[in-house]
Amino acid sequence: MRATTAGWLSVTVGILVLALKYVAYRLTGSVSLYSDALESVVNVVAATFALTALRISIRPPDENHPFGHSKAEFFSAVAEGVLIVLAALEIVRAAWSRLVTPVALSGLEIGVFVSVLATLANGGLAAFLIRTGRRQRSPALVADGKHLFVDVVTTLGVLAGIGIASLTQLWILDPLIALFVAVNILRVGYEIVKDSVGGLMDVTLPDDKMHMIETTIKENMKGALEVHALRSRHAGRRTFIEFHLVVPENMSVSSAHKICNRLETVIKKCVPGSEITIHVEPEGEAEHRGLVVRSGNGFA
């Protein structure tokens, strides 16, 4: 399934879940269920942002954006993190008065049943979005899916707390649970923003992936003398890898080109979807910058 189709599904299911959670809140008057419904408002708005970003990110490179538009997805994830913070503040506001004057809840049976239906839909959507996002290398879909999964866990905690409050008649648990929801979604918002800012700042690949690339280069650079200035960066679903390849002074352009093609092929198998840039240098002009990989001599 295409990433944009998954985005449309996320918006549609999100609206359905929001409607169910709002019904559950209206039936019970529970401030914790209100906090749960409010988080679903964030989900729907965030899913809409993600869909818009996805539609932009799949546009091919153009004259003004030669590296494509894939970073648009990171702006979506940052916006989602900001919305989560605003939702948390609203939950705190709503729960505060109930802390001072707890209110007994009614209509819990049907309200809880409706909330469970919403949770099942959310859980299925979360698993689908995370799986699809990883397959499509889409940070916006993965972020949306992770947020929904936390929403599922949060709702289960809310329902458990309401059950305990009903059994013990300790109705102050209702606003306390709402405050717990606020703290939890703040944590999620922080993680989403942190990951997205890393993408916007061109964070490098993880150490284990970089080591895999270094090993792959060493095993397939026969004919060349050295690789140096190896760098990588993320940009949405695309990964850029570049390095300098040092060859003997008397090597022909054709021979150097064959080595570059071989290296590009094996690196793309190691990092699917990556784009490789190789700068060829004759031995006498090598700069020996950054990490150096020498043919037959290991890593310097």
Protein backbone atom coordinates (compact mmCIF):
# COMPACT_ATOMS: atom_id res chain seq x y z
CA MET A 1 0.00 0.00 0.00
CA ARG A 2 1.24 3.49 -0.88
CA ALA A 3 2.16 5.83 1.98
CA THR A 4 -0.48 8.37 0.91
CA THR A 5 -3.20 5.69 0.95
CA ALA A 6 -2.15 4.78 4.48
CA GLY A 7 -2.36 8.47 5.35
CA TRP A 8 -5.94 8.69 4.10
CA LEU A 9 -6.83 5.59 6.12
CA SER A 10 -5.29 7.15 9.23
CA VAL A 11 -7.44 10.28 8.86
CA THR A 12 -10.63 8.29 8.25
CA VAL A 13 -10.17 5.88 11.15
CA GLY A 14 -9.02 8.74 13.37
CA ILE A 15 -12.29 10.59 12.83
CA LEU A 16 -14.27 7.42 13.65
CA VAL A 17 -12.26 6.83 16.84
CA LEU A 18 -12.68 10.48 17.87
CA ALA A 19 -16.45 10.20 17.47
CA LEU A 20 -16.59 7.02 19.59
CA LYS A 21 -14.44 8.51 22.35
CA TYR A 22 -16.49 11.68 22.44
CA VAL A 23 -19.65 9.59 22.80
CA ALA A 24 -18.01 7.69 25.68
CA TYR A 25 -17.14 10.99 27.38
CA ARG A 26 -20.67 12.39 26.95
CA LEU A 27 -22.22 9.22 28.34
CA THR A 28 -20.09 9.20 31.48
CA GLY A 29 -18.93 12.78 32.08
CA SER A 30 -15.50 11.35 32.91
CA VAL A 31 -12.69 13.89 32.68
CA SER A 32 -10.22 11.06 32.02
CA LEU A 33 -12.31 9.92 29.04
CA TYR A 34 -12.43 13.57 27.99
CA SER A 35 -8.63 13.62 28.03
CA ASP A 36 -8.64 10.47 25.94
CA ALA A 37 -11.02 12.06 23.42
CA LEU A 38 -8.92 15.21 23.33
CA GLU A 39 -5.87 13.16 22.42
CA SER A 40 -7.88 11.76 19.51
CA VAL A 41 -8.49 15.31 18.30
CA VAL A 42 -4.72 15.67 18.16
CA ASN A 43 -4.52 12.34 16.33
CA VAL A 44 -6.91 13.49 13.60
CA VAL A 45 -5.19 16.85 13.11
CA ALA A 46 -1.76 15.19 13.17
CA ALA A 47 -2.89 12.56 10.65
CA THR A 48 -4.07 15.36 8.37
CA PHE A 49 -0.67 17.06 8.69
CA ALA A 50 1.05 13.74 7.98
CA LEU A 51 -1.08 13.14 4.87
CA THR A 52 -0.29 16.62 3.55
CA ALA A 53 3.42 16.09 4.21
CA LEU A 54 3.34 12.70 2.49
CA ARG A 55 1.72 14.18 -0.61
CA ILE A 56 4.48 16.81 -0.72
CA SER A 57 7.33 14.40 0.03
CA ILE A 58 6.59 12.07 -2.89
CA ARG A 59 7.00 14.86 -5.44
CA PRO A 60 10.04 14.25 -7.62
CA PRO A 61 13.07 16.57 -7.44
CA ASP A 62 12.67 19.83 -9.34
CA GLU A 63 14.77 22.88 -10.21
CA ASN A 64 14.31 24.48 -6.79
CA HIS A 65 14.49 21.20 -4.81
CA PRO A 66 17.11 19.03 -6.54
CA PHE A 67 17.26 16.64 -3.56
CA GLY A 68 13.50 16.12 -3.50
CA HIS A 69 10.85 17.09 -0.91
CA SER A 70 11.18 14.23 1.59
CA LYS A 71 11.99 16.47 4.57
CA ALA A 72 8.40 17.72 4.53
CA GLU A 73 7.52 14.67 6.62
CA PHE A 74 9.70 15.86 9.49
CA PHE A 75 7.74 19.12 9.71
CA SER A 76 4.60 17.03 10.13
CA ALA A 77 6.12 15.11 13.02
CA VAL A 78 7.27 18.33 14.70
CA ALA A 79 3.75 19.77 14.35
CA GLU A 80 2.32 16.61 15.91
CA GLY A 81 4.64 16.99 18.90
CA VAL A 82 3.55 20.61 19.41
CA LEU A 83 -0.13 19.62 19.24
CA ILE A 84 0.45 16.97 21.87
CA VAL A 85 1.86 19.59 24.24
CA LEU A 86 -1.20 21.83 23.72
CA ALA A 87 -3.53 18.88 24.36
CA ALA A 88 -1.71 18.08 27.59
CA LEU A 89 -2.21 21.64 28.84
CA GLU A 90 -5.94 21.47 28.07
CA ILE A 91 -6.23 18.17 29.95
CA VAL A 92 -4.58 19.70 33.02
CA ARG A 93 -7.02 22.60 32.86
CA ALA A 94 -10.05 20.30 32.64
CA ALA A 95 -8.85 17.97 35.41
CA TRP A 96 -7.96 20.68 37.90
CA SER A 97 -11.50 21.51 39.02
CA ARG A 98 -12.35 17.81 39.46
CA LEU A 99 -9.39 17.44 41.80
CA VAL A 100 -10.97 20.03 44.09
CA THR A 101 -14.54 18.70 43.71
CA PRO A 102 -14.66 15.04 42.55
CA VAL A 103 -17.84 14.04 40.68
CA ALA A 104 -19.48 10.60 40.66
CA LEU A 105 -19.68 9.11 37.17
CA SER A 106 -22.74 7.53 35.51
CA GLY A 107 -23.43 5.47 32.40
CA LEU A 108 -20.09 3.68 32.78
CA GLU A 109 -21.12 0.34 31.24
CA ILE A 110 -22.08 1.65 27.81
CA GLY A 111 -19.42 4.37 27.92
CA VAL A 112 -16.65 1.86 28.60
CA PHE A 113 -17.98 -0.45 25.85
CA VAL A 114 -17.86 2.38 23.29
CA SER A 115 -14.34 3.31 24.42
CA VAL A 116 -13.19 -0.32 24.00
CA LEU A 117 -14.47 -0.30 20.40
CA ALA A 118 -12.47 2.85 19.73
CA THR A 119 -9.36 1.28 21.29
CA LEU A 120 -9.58 -1.82 19.10
CA ALA A 121 -9.79 0.36 15.99
CA ASN A 122 -6.86 2.46 17.19
CA GLY A 123 -4.72 -0.58 17.94
CA GLY A 124 -5.24 -2.07 14.49
CA LEU A 125 -4.49 1.26 12.82
CA ALA A 126 -1.34 1.83 14.92
CA ALA A 127 0.14 -1.55 13.98
CA PHE A 128 -0.70 -0.98 10.31
CA LEU A 129 0.84 2.52 10.20
CA ILE A 130 4.09 1.49 11.90
CA ARG A 131 4.50 -1.52 9.61
CA THR A 132 3.67 0.49 6.48
CA GLY A 133 5.80 3.45 7.55
CA ARG A 134 8.88 1.30 8.08
CA ARG A 135 8.37 -0.50 4.79
CA GLN A 136 7.89 2.81 2.94
CA ARG A 137 10.66 4.55 4.95
CA SER A 138 8.17 7.22 6.04
CA PRO A 139 8.95 8.99 9.37
CA ALA A 140 5.53 10.70 9.32
CA LEU A 141 3.63 7.38 9.22
CA VAL A 142 5.89 5.78 11.83
CA ALA A 143 5.47 8.78 14.16
CA ASP A 144 1.70 8.70 13.67
CA GLY A 145 1.58 4.96 14.36
CA LYS A 146 3.71 5.21 17.50
CA HIS A 147 1.52 8.01 18.81
CA LEU A 148 -1.60 5.91 18.22
CA PHE A 149 -0.03 2.92 19.96
CA VAL A 150 0.68 5.03 23.04
CA ASP A 151 -2.91 6.25 22.78
CA VAL A 152 -4.09 2.62 22.96
CA VAL A 153 -2.02 1.96 26.08
CA THR A 154 -3.25 5.20 27.60
CA THR A 155 -6.90 4.32 26.94
CA LEU A 156 -6.47 0.90 28.55
CA GLY A 157 -5.01 2.62 31.62
CA VAL A 158 -7.90 5.08 31.67
CA LEU A 159 -10.48 2.28 31.51
CA ALA A 160 -8.72 0.33 34.26
CA GLY A 161 -8.65 3.43 36.45
CA ILE A 162 -12.34 4.14 35.86
CA GLY A 163 -13.12 0.55 36.81
CA ILE A 164 -11.21 0.91 40.07
CA ALA A 165 -12.88 4.25 40.81
CA SER A 166 -16.31 2.69 40.24
CA LEU A 167 -15.59 -0.25 42.54
CA THR A 168 -14.08 1.88 45.34
CA GLN A 169 -16.18 5.04 44.82
CA LEU A 170 -12.93 7.03 44.91
CA TRP A 171 -13.98 9.42 42.15
CA ILE A 172 -10.88 11.57 42.61
CA LEU A 173 -9.12 8.85 40.62
CA ASP A 174 -10.85 10.21 37.50
CA PRO A 175 -8.99 13.56 37.38
CA LEU A 176 -5.80 11.91 38.64
CA ILE A 177 -5.90 9.54 35.69
CA ALA A 178 -6.47 12.49 33.36
CA LEU A 179 -3.34 14.16 34.73
CA PHE A 180 -1.42 10.93 34.17
CA VAL A 181 -2.60 10.97 30.55
CA ALA A 182 -1.32 14.53 30.20
CA VAL A 183 2.14 13.60 31.50
CA ASN A 184 2.27 10.53 29.27
CA ILE A 185 1.42 12.35 26.05
CA LEU A 186 3.94 15.07 26.92
CA ARG A 187 6.58 12.35 26.99
CA VAL A 188 5.43 11.10 23.59
CA GLY A 189 5.48 14.62 22.18
CA TYR A 190 9.05 15.10 23.37
CA GLU A 191 10.21 11.87 21.69
CA ILE A 192 8.51 12.72 18.40
CA VAL A 193 9.97 16.24 18.29
CA LYS A 194 13.44 14.97 19.24
CA ASP A 195 13.47 12.40 16.42
CA SER A 196 12.13 14.89 13.88
CA VAL A 197 14.64 17.61 14.77
CA GLY A 198 17.38 15.02 14.31
CA GLY A 199 16.11 14.42 10.78
CA LEU A 200 15.91 18.12 9.99
CA MET A 201 19.49 18.53 11.22
CA ASP A 202 20.76 15.83 8.82
CA VAL A 203 21.66 13.33 11.53
CA THR A 204 24.00 10.58 10.40
CA LEU A 205 23.16 6.88 10.21
CA PRO A 206 23.52 4.81 13.41
CA ASP A 207 27.01 3.51 14.24
CA ASP A 208 26.13 -0.11 13.42
CA LYS A 209 24.84 0.89 9.97
CA MET A 210 27.92 3.02 9.29
CA HIS A 211 30.17 0.14 10.29
CA MET A 212 28.25 -2.11 7.89
CA ILE A 213 28.82 0.40 5.08
CA GLU A 214 32.54 0.64 5.91
CA THR A 215 32.88 -3.16 5.83
CA THR A 216 30.94 -3.37 2.57
CA ILE A 217 33.20 -0.76 0.96
CA LYS A 218 36.37 -2.53 2.10
CA GLU A 219 35.19 -5.86 0.70
CA ASN A 220 34.25 -4.41 -2.71
CA MET A 221 36.82 -1.71 -3.47
CA LYS A 222 39.26 -3.95 -5.37
CA GLY A 223 41.29 -1.86 -7.80
CA ALA A 224 41.02 1.32 -5.71
CA LEU A 225 43.54 2.37 -3.07
CA GLU A 226 41.53 4.21 -0.46
CA VAL A 227 38.17 5.64 0.56
CA HIS A 228 37.94 8.66 2.84
CA ALA A 229 35.55 11.45 3.92
CA LEU A 230 32.71 8.94 4.31
CA ARG A 231 29.51 10.74 5.34
CA SER A 232 25.79 9.99 5.53
CA ARG A 233 22.56 11.82 6.32
CA HIS A 234 18.85 11.16 6.55
CA ALA A 235 16.23 13.19 4.66
CA GLY A 236 12.81 11.67 5.24
CA ARG A 237 12.63 8.29 3.53
CA ARG A 238 15.86 8.96 1.63
CA THR A 239 19.41 8.34 2.82
CA PHE A 240 22.39 10.08 1.26
CA ILE A 241 25.88 8.54 1.42
CA GLU A 242 28.99 10.13 -0.02
CA PHE A 243 32.72 9.52 0.04
CA HIS A 244 35.98 10.08 -1.87
CA LEU A 245 37.54 7.17 -3.79
CA VAL A 246 41.30 7.23 -4.35
CA VAL A 247 42.57 5.34 -7.43
CA PRO A 248 46.04 4.87 -9.00
CA GLU A 249 47.32 7.78 -11.05
CA ASN A 250 47.32 5.76 -14.27
CA MET A 251 43.84 4.23 -13.92
CA SER A 252 41.46 4.99 -16.79
CA VAL A 253 38.18 6.81 -16.28
CA SER A 254 36.36 3.69 -17.45
CA SER A 255 38.03 1.47 -14.85
CA ALA A 256 37.34 3.96 -12.05
CA HIS A 257 33.72 4.17 -13.19
CA LYS A 258 33.34 0.39 -12.95
CA ILE A 259 34.59 0.43 -9.35
CA CYS A 260 32.11 3.21 -8.51
CA ASN A 261 29.25 1.23 -10.05
CA ARG A 262 30.22 -1.86 -8.09
CA LEU A 263 30.37 0.07 -4.82
CA GLU A 264 27.04 1.81 -5.47
CA THR A 265 25.34 -1.53 -6.15
CA VAL A 266 26.54 -3.25 -2.96
CA ILE A 267 25.92 -0.21 -0.74
CA LYS A 268 22.35 0.12 -2.01
CA LYS A 269 21.78 -3.52 -1.05
CA CYS A 270 23.13 -2.69 2.40
CA VAL A 271 21.05 0.52 2.70
CA PRO A 272 17.93 0.20 0.51
CA GLY A 273 16.74 3.45 -1.01
CA SER A 274 20.06 5.22 -0.49
CA GLU A 275 21.61 7.64 -2.96
CA ILE A 276 25.37 7.38 -3.37
CA THR A 277 27.78 10.16 -4.41
CA ILE A 278 31.40 9.16 -5.07
CA HIS A 279 34.17 11.69 -5.77
CA VAL A 280 37.10 10.03 -7.56
CA GLU A 281 40.63 11.31 -6.80
CA PRO A 282 43.99 10.29 -8.30
CA GLU A 283 46.49 8.97 -5.76
CA GLY A 284 48.71 12.04 -5.83
CA GLU A 285 45.84 14.41 -4.98
CA ALA A 286 44.14 12.46 -2.19
CA GLU A 287 43.19 14.59 0.82
CA HIS A 288 42.90 11.72 3.37
CA ARG A 289 40.05 13.41 5.27
CA GLY A 290 37.85 11.81 7.91
CA LEU A 291 37.56 8.04 8.21
CA VAL A 292 40.03 6.34 5.86
CA VAL A 293 39.46 2.86 4.42
CA ARG A 294 42.51 1.43 2.64
CA SER A 295 42.38 -1.52 0.31
CA GLY A 296 43.89 -4.56 2.06
CA ASN A 297 45.14 -2.50 5.01
CA GLY A 298 42.00 -2.21 7.13
CA PHE A 299 40.67 1.01 8.63
CA ALA A 300 42.88 3.94 9.54
